[in-house]
Amino acid sequence: MPERVLKFGGAKIRNMVPPVKINRFVQNLPEERKDSLFEIATELRQAGLIKLLEGRDQSTIDRDTVDDQL
């Protein structure tokens, strides 16, 4: 599968399955688990449908700075 770059966050990923399977997986996620691209990418990674490249962890400013926002 070709390498892709997520538009938001710039995390490089590789599809481990064809896009059709990824689309079907996302369509079947409950609404509360697809509030953001970050959440969807996390679900896809945990299900083994995508792989993050270059050892980069997913992050989001909101989740990573919760303590600073309180």
Protein backbone atom coordinates (compact mmCIF):
# COMPACT_ATOMS: atom_id res chain seq x y z
CA MET A 1 0.00 0.00 0.00
CA PRO A 2 1.29 3.51 -0.72
CA GLU A 3 2.39 5.83 2.08
CA ARG A 4 -0.06 8.62 2.85
CA VAL A 5 0.16 11.70 5.04
CA LEU A 6 -2.76 12.70 7.23
CA LYS A 7 -3.69 16.28 6.41
CA PHE A 8 -4.23 17.20 10.05
CA GLY A 9 -1.20 16.73 12.25
CA GLY A 10 1.07 15.59 9.44
CA ALA A 11 1.43 12.06 10.81
CA LYS A 12 2.75 9.78 8.09
CA ILE A 13 0.80 6.56 7.76
CA ARG A 14 0.75 3.42 5.66
CA ASN A 15 -2.49 1.66 4.82
CA MET A 16 -2.28 -1.99 5.84
CA VAL A 17 -5.53 -2.84 4.02
CA PRO A 18 -7.27 -1.45 0.92
CA PRO A 19 -9.14 1.87 1.31
CA VAL A 20 -12.48 0.07 0.88
CA LYS A 21 -11.90 -1.82 4.14
CA ILE A 22 -10.87 1.37 5.94
CA ASN A 23 -13.98 3.17 4.72
CA ARG A 24 -16.22 0.30 5.82
CA PHE A 25 -14.56 0.23 9.25
CA VAL A 26 -15.06 3.98 9.74
CA GLN A 27 -18.69 3.82 8.58
CA ASN A 28 -19.37 1.17 11.21
CA LEU A 29 -17.81 3.11 14.10
CA PRO A 30 -20.30 4.56 16.60
CA GLU A 31 -20.73 8.33 16.24
CA GLU A 32 -19.07 9.01 19.61
CA ARG A 33 -15.87 7.31 18.40
CA LYS A 34 -15.50 9.45 15.28
CA ASP A 35 -15.74 13.00 16.61
CA SER A 36 -12.37 13.95 15.10
CA LEU A 37 -9.78 12.76 12.62
CA PHE A 38 -7.49 12.04 15.58
CA GLU A 39 -10.03 9.65 17.10
CA ILE A 40 -10.65 7.92 13.77
CA ALA A 41 -6.91 7.53 13.11
CA THR A 42 -6.47 6.10 16.61
CA GLU A 43 -9.24 3.56 15.99
CA LEU A 44 -7.71 2.60 12.63
CA ARG A 45 -4.25 2.19 14.17
CA GLN A 46 -5.53 0.11 17.09
CA ALA A 47 -7.42 -2.13 14.65
CA GLY A 48 -4.24 -2.67 12.61
CA LEU A 49 -5.69 -1.04 9.49
CA ILE A 50 -3.04 1.70 9.33
CA LYS A 51 0.51 1.95 10.62
CA LEU A 52 2.23 5.14 11.80
CA LEU A 53 5.62 5.59 10.16
CA GLU A 54 8.91 7.02 11.40
CA GLY A 55 8.13 6.08 15.00
CA ARG A 56 5.95 9.15 15.43
CA ASP A 57 3.19 8.92 18.01
CA GLN A 58 -0.18 10.44 17.38
CA SER A 59 -0.89 13.46 19.49
CA THR A 60 -3.33 16.28 19.73
CA ILE A 61 -2.72 19.61 21.35
CA ASP A 62 -6.00 19.40 23.24
CA ARG A 63 -5.30 16.00 24.80
CA ASP A 64 -1.59 16.60 25.38
CA THR A 65 -2.08 19.90 27.19
CA VAL A 66 -5.16 19.17 29.30
CA ASP A 67 -3.31 20.00 32.53
CA ASP A 68 -2.20 23.36 31.09
CA GLN A 69 -5.76 24.24 30.14
CA LEU A 70 -7.25 23.72 33.61
